Amino acid sequence: MRLGGSGLTLRKNSTSQELEALTLFFGKTDSDFKVGVKNIEHWVEQWVKNEEDNSLYEKEDYVYDAWECFKVYSKNYVKLTTDFLNTYKFNSILDYGAGLGLTTKLLANNFPDKQVYYLNLRGSQWDFSSNYLSNTPNVKMIENITSLGDVDVVCAWEFFEHIKKPCEILDKILQLNPNILSIANSFGATAYGHYSTYECGGELFTRKTVSKAFNKHLKLKGYKINPHTHQFWNNRPTLWEKIF
């Protein structure tokens, strides 16, 4: 996998600007991505055999998984969340666990007068995002939240399933005092990087029961589901609003 690259120049007539940027940066073709997406199930099987292998996020095939997730799910989360936020007053957005930064750029383009933060661990996805977001002036890339003050809106889409102790990370995020959380979890799905068991509040949960515990934790922390959420299929993303 070739990392690096700068000054991406997108070809004309591209069917997807995001895919075009990915193929150029990683030195791949559209066909490579099609084959890579088809092979995701193979890598899911390998993950299930060893859920401690966190090196998967730096493996080439994870880019294919991240691309598929954006195309099928998180691109729509941006649209639905944007529609809601257009009726809401805020100044800043944090895209937490933003991966390839594809959703971050959409958010930044939708809200050019707002401060948008991209947060992710350093690695190949960070390298791509640094390039991809370089011409988006209202985006700041950060590795952790310690440098931030309060943030009005936090988006975390298809993220918490990849964390063994999701409520622990959630509590750190809530220290930012967000008024709105846009969260899309799929704990119940057997997928690349998803765990079979989770810990929340010191208790162990299966992938089928942890979602209820996660939501209960948020309610205890002073958040409720905004009714606008119920317009969305399967309540995804879920819009949480701070009430105390």
Protein backbone atom coordinates (compact mmCIF):
# COMPACT_ATOMS: atom_id res chain seq x y z
CA MET A 1 0.00 0.00 0.00
CA ARG A 2 1.48 3.35 -1.00
CA LEU A 3 1.05 6.09 1.57
CA GLY A 4 1.88 9.73 1.21
CA GLY A 5 1.14 11.63 -1.93
CA SER A 6 0.26 15.30 -2.01
CA GLY A 7 -1.69 17.72 -4.14
CA LEU A 8 -4.28 15.17 -5.28
CA THR A 9 -5.66 16.03 -8.71
CA LEU A 10 -9.03 14.40 -9.35
CA ARG A 11 -9.76 13.03 -12.82
CA LYS A 12 -12.71 14.46 -14.68
CA ASN A 13 -15.92 12.46 -14.92
CA SER A 14 -15.16 10.61 -11.68
CA THR A 15 -18.21 8.72 -10.40
CA SER A 16 -17.18 9.60 -6.85
CA GLN A 17 -14.84 12.35 -5.75
CA GLU A 18 -14.17 10.50 -2.49
CA LEU A 19 -13.27 7.25 -4.24
CA GLU A 20 -11.13 9.14 -6.70
CA ALA A 21 -9.14 10.70 -3.87
CA LEU A 22 -8.68 7.29 -2.24
CA THR A 23 -7.48 5.54 -5.39
CA LEU A 24 -5.00 8.32 -6.15
CA PHE A 25 -3.56 8.47 -2.65
CA PHE A 26 -3.24 4.72 -2.09
CA GLY A 27 -2.19 3.95 -5.65
CA LYS A 28 -5.22 1.75 -6.34
CA THR A 29 -7.83 1.45 -9.07
CA ASP A 30 -11.62 1.40 -8.88
CA SER A 31 -11.39 -2.33 -9.61
CA ASP A 32 -9.04 -2.83 -6.65
CA PHE A 33 -11.67 -1.29 -4.39
CA LYS A 34 -14.44 -3.44 -5.86
CA VAL A 35 -12.41 -6.60 -5.23
CA GLY A 36 -11.36 -5.37 -1.80
CA VAL A 37 -14.96 -4.78 -0.76
CA LYS A 38 -15.93 -8.27 -1.93
CA ASN A 39 -13.17 -9.73 0.26
CA ILE A 40 -14.28 -7.97 3.46
CA GLU A 41 -16.06 -11.09 4.74
CA HIS A 42 -12.79 -13.01 4.63
CA TRP A 43 -11.18 -10.45 6.90
CA VAL A 44 -14.19 -10.46 9.21
CA GLU A 45 -13.67 -14.19 9.65
CA GLN A 46 -10.02 -13.61 10.54
CA TRP A 47 -10.98 -10.92 13.06
CA VAL A 48 -13.54 -13.16 14.76
CA LYS A 49 -10.77 -15.70 15.34
CA ASN A 50 -8.58 -13.10 17.07
CA GLU A 51 -10.36 -10.04 18.43
CA GLU A 52 -7.14 -8.81 20.01
CA ASP A 53 -5.55 -8.07 16.63
CA ASN A 54 -5.89 -4.30 16.62
CA SER A 55 -3.30 -4.08 13.85
CA LEU A 56 -6.17 -4.53 11.41
CA TYR A 57 -6.70 -0.77 11.24
CA GLU A 58 -3.36 -0.41 9.49
CA LYS A 59 -3.97 -3.25 7.05
CA GLU A 60 -4.69 -2.39 3.45
CA ASP A 61 -8.05 -4.13 3.43
CA TYR A 62 -9.38 -1.90 6.21
CA VAL A 63 -9.43 1.01 3.77
CA TYR A 64 -11.89 -0.98 1.68
CA ASP A 65 -14.03 -1.61 4.75
CA ALA A 66 -13.95 2.07 5.73
CA TRP A 67 -14.89 3.10 2.20
CA GLU A 68 -17.84 0.70 2.12
CA CYS A 69 -19.04 1.96 5.50
CA PHE A 70 -18.97 5.54 4.25
CA LYS A 71 -20.74 4.73 1.00
CA VAL A 72 -23.50 2.63 2.56
CA TYR A 73 -24.01 4.28 5.95
CA SER A 74 -22.11 7.32 7.17
CA LYS A 75 -22.55 9.46 4.06
CA ASN A 76 -26.27 9.35 4.80
CA TYR A 77 -25.65 10.09 8.49
CA VAL A 78 -24.03 13.35 7.43
CA LYS A 79 -27.05 14.30 5.35
CA LEU A 80 -29.59 13.48 8.06
CA THR A 81 -27.58 15.20 10.78
CA THR A 82 -27.04 18.25 8.58
CA ASP A 83 -30.77 18.57 7.95
CA PHE A 84 -31.33 18.63 11.70
CA LEU A 85 -28.46 21.00 12.51
CA ASN A 86 -29.70 23.50 9.94
CA THR A 87 -32.48 24.26 12.43
CA TYR A 88 -30.12 24.40 15.41
CA LYS A 89 -27.73 27.10 16.61
CA PHE A 90 -24.15 25.92 17.16
CA ASN A 91 -20.56 26.93 16.45
CA SER A 92 -18.44 23.78 16.52
CA ILE A 93 -18.58 20.11 15.48
CA LEU A 94 -16.30 17.23 16.44
CA ASP A 95 -16.16 14.22 14.11
CA TYR A 96 -14.93 11.59 16.58
CA GLY A 97 -13.15 8.51 15.26
CA ALA A 98 -13.38 10.07 11.82
CA GLY A 99 -11.17 7.55 10.03
CA LEU A 100 -10.62 8.58 6.43
CA GLY A 101 -12.08 12.03 7.03
CA LEU A 102 -14.70 11.64 4.31
CA THR A 103 -17.54 12.57 6.67
CA THR A 104 -15.45 15.39 8.13
CA LYS A 105 -15.10 17.06 4.76
CA LEU A 106 -18.82 16.77 4.05
CA LEU A 107 -19.60 18.36 7.42
CA ALA A 108 -17.11 21.14 6.79
CA ASN A 109 -18.53 21.83 3.33
CA ASN A 110 -22.08 21.85 4.71
CA PHE A 111 -21.13 24.26 7.50
CA PRO A 112 -18.32 26.45 6.13
CA ASP A 113 -18.79 29.04 8.89
CA LYS A 114 -18.42 26.48 11.71
CA GLN A 115 -15.29 25.05 13.31
CA VAL A 116 -15.05 21.35 12.48
CA TYR A 117 -12.64 19.00 14.26
CA TYR A 118 -11.35 15.69 12.88
CA LEU A 119 -10.25 13.25 15.57
CA ASN A 120 -8.53 9.94 14.91
CA LEU A 121 -5.41 8.03 15.83
CA ARG A 122 -2.34 8.60 13.68
CA GLY A 123 -1.70 6.04 10.96
CA SER A 124 -2.60 5.47 7.34
CA GLN A 125 -6.09 6.92 7.72
CA TRP A 126 -4.69 10.04 9.38
CA ASP A 127 -2.13 10.38 6.56
CA PHE A 128 -4.85 10.23 3.93
CA SER A 129 -7.08 12.64 5.85
CA SER A 130 -4.28 15.14 6.32
CA ASN A 131 -3.96 15.29 2.55
CA TYR A 132 -7.67 15.11 1.79
CA LEU A 133 -8.62 17.85 4.26
CA SER A 134 -5.66 20.13 3.59
CA ASN A 135 -7.71 22.54 1.47
CA THR A 136 -10.64 22.69 3.90
CA PRO A 137 -9.88 25.77 6.04
CA ASN A 138 -12.50 25.23 8.75
CA VAL A 139 -11.17 21.77 9.71
CA LYS A 140 -8.62 21.18 12.44
CA MET A 141 -7.12 17.71 12.90
CA ILE A 142 -6.54 16.52 16.47
CA GLU A 143 -5.36 13.26 18.07
CA ASN A 144 -7.15 13.66 21.40
CA ILE A 145 -9.63 15.95 23.12
CA THR A 146 -7.35 17.30 25.84
CA SER A 147 -6.68 20.47 23.85
CA LEU A 148 -10.36 21.22 23.32
CA GLY A 149 -12.75 23.28 25.36
CA ASP A 150 -16.49 22.83 25.01
CA VAL A 151 -17.79 21.52 21.68
CA ASP A 152 -21.40 22.09 20.65
CA VAL A 153 -21.96 18.98 18.50
CA VAL A 154 -20.22 15.60 18.53
CA CYS A 155 -20.67 13.06 15.73
CA ALA A 156 -19.58 9.46 16.30
CA TRP A 157 -20.74 7.16 13.52
CA GLU A 158 -19.89 3.43 13.40
CA PHE A 159 -17.26 4.09 16.06
CA PHE A 160 -18.21 2.79 19.51
CA GLU A 161 -18.52 -0.81 18.26
CA HIS A 162 -14.75 -0.74 17.81
CA ILE A 163 -14.15 0.10 21.48
CA LYS A 164 -14.08 -2.66 24.08
CA LYS A 165 -15.20 -0.22 26.81
CA PRO A 166 -17.48 2.17 24.90
CA CYS A 167 -18.98 3.89 27.96
CA GLU A 168 -15.51 4.81 29.16
CA ILE A 169 -14.77 6.68 25.92
CA LEU A 170 -18.26 8.16 25.97
CA ASP A 171 -17.61 9.70 29.39
CA LYS A 172 -14.46 11.37 28.06
CA ILE A 173 -16.43 12.81 25.15
CA LEU A 174 -19.12 14.14 27.49
CA GLN A 175 -16.45 16.18 29.28
CA LEU A 176 -16.65 18.44 26.21
CA ASN A 177 -20.15 19.36 27.32
CA PRO A 178 -21.81 18.85 23.90
CA ASN A 179 -25.41 19.97 23.48
CA ILE A 180 -26.02 17.50 20.65
CA LEU A 181 -24.64 14.02 19.98
CA SER A 182 -25.23 12.31 16.66
CA ILE A 183 -24.43 8.63 17.22
CA ALA A 184 -24.86 5.59 14.99
CA ASN A 185 -24.00 2.27 16.64
CA SER A 186 -24.30 -1.22 15.20
CA PHE A 187 -23.14 -3.27 18.18
CA GLY A 188 -25.26 -6.23 17.11
CA ALA A 189 -23.50 -6.73 13.79
CA THR A 190 -20.64 -9.19 13.36
CA ALA A 191 -18.18 -7.01 11.51
CA TYR A 192 -14.54 -6.10 11.10
CA GLY A 193 -13.34 -4.69 14.43
CA HIS A 194 -16.58 -5.30 16.33
CA TYR A 195 -16.29 -7.25 19.57
CA SER A 196 -18.38 -10.18 20.74
CA THR A 197 -18.49 -8.80 24.32
CA TYR A 198 -18.24 -5.30 25.76
CA GLU A 199 -17.78 -3.69 29.16
CA CYS A 200 -19.98 -0.78 30.24
CA GLY A 201 -20.11 0.61 33.77
CA GLY A 202 -18.02 -2.29 35.06
CA GLU A 203 -20.43 -4.92 33.70
CA LEU A 204 -19.99 -7.28 30.76
CA PHE A 205 -22.48 -7.31 27.88
CA THR A 206 -22.89 -9.26 24.67
CA ARG A 207 -23.17 -7.47 21.33
CA LYS A 208 -26.94 -7.97 21.60
CA THR A 209 -27.29 -6.35 25.03
CA VAL A 210 -24.67 -3.60 25.11
CA SER A 211 -26.69 -1.10 23.07
CA LYS A 212 -29.36 -0.90 25.76
CA ALA A 213 -26.69 -0.38 28.43
CA PHE A 214 -24.98 2.29 26.32
CA ASN A 215 -28.23 4.22 25.84
CA LYS A 216 -29.08 3.93 29.54
CA HIS A 217 -25.66 5.34 30.36
CA LEU A 218 -26.29 8.36 28.15
CA LYS A 219 -29.66 9.01 29.77
CA LEU A 220 -28.10 8.89 33.23
CA LYS A 221 -25.58 11.47 32.04
CA GLY A 222 -28.36 13.91 31.20
CA TYR A 223 -29.21 13.25 27.56
CA LYS A 224 -32.44 12.30 25.83
CA ILE A 225 -33.26 11.26 22.28
CA ASN A 226 -34.51 14.18 20.21
CA PRO A 227 -37.85 13.28 18.53
CA HIS A 228 -36.36 14.19 15.13
CA THR A 229 -34.48 10.89 15.36
CA HIS A 230 -37.67 8.88 14.86
CA GLN A 231 -37.87 10.11 11.27
CA PHE A 232 -34.78 8.04 10.49
CA TRP A 233 -34.72 4.37 9.55
CA ASN A 234 -33.91 2.30 12.62
CA ASN A 235 -33.21 5.55 14.53
CA ARG A 236 -29.81 5.87 12.86
CA PRO A 237 -28.21 8.16 13.52
CA THR A 238 -29.64 8.79 16.98
CA LEU A 239 -29.71 12.46 17.93
CA TRP A 240 -29.13 12.94 21.65
CA GLU A 241 -29.89 16.31 23.22
CA LYS A 242 -28.54 17.51 26.55
CA ILE A 243 -31.29 18.21 29.11
CA PHE A 244 -29.23 18.77 32.30
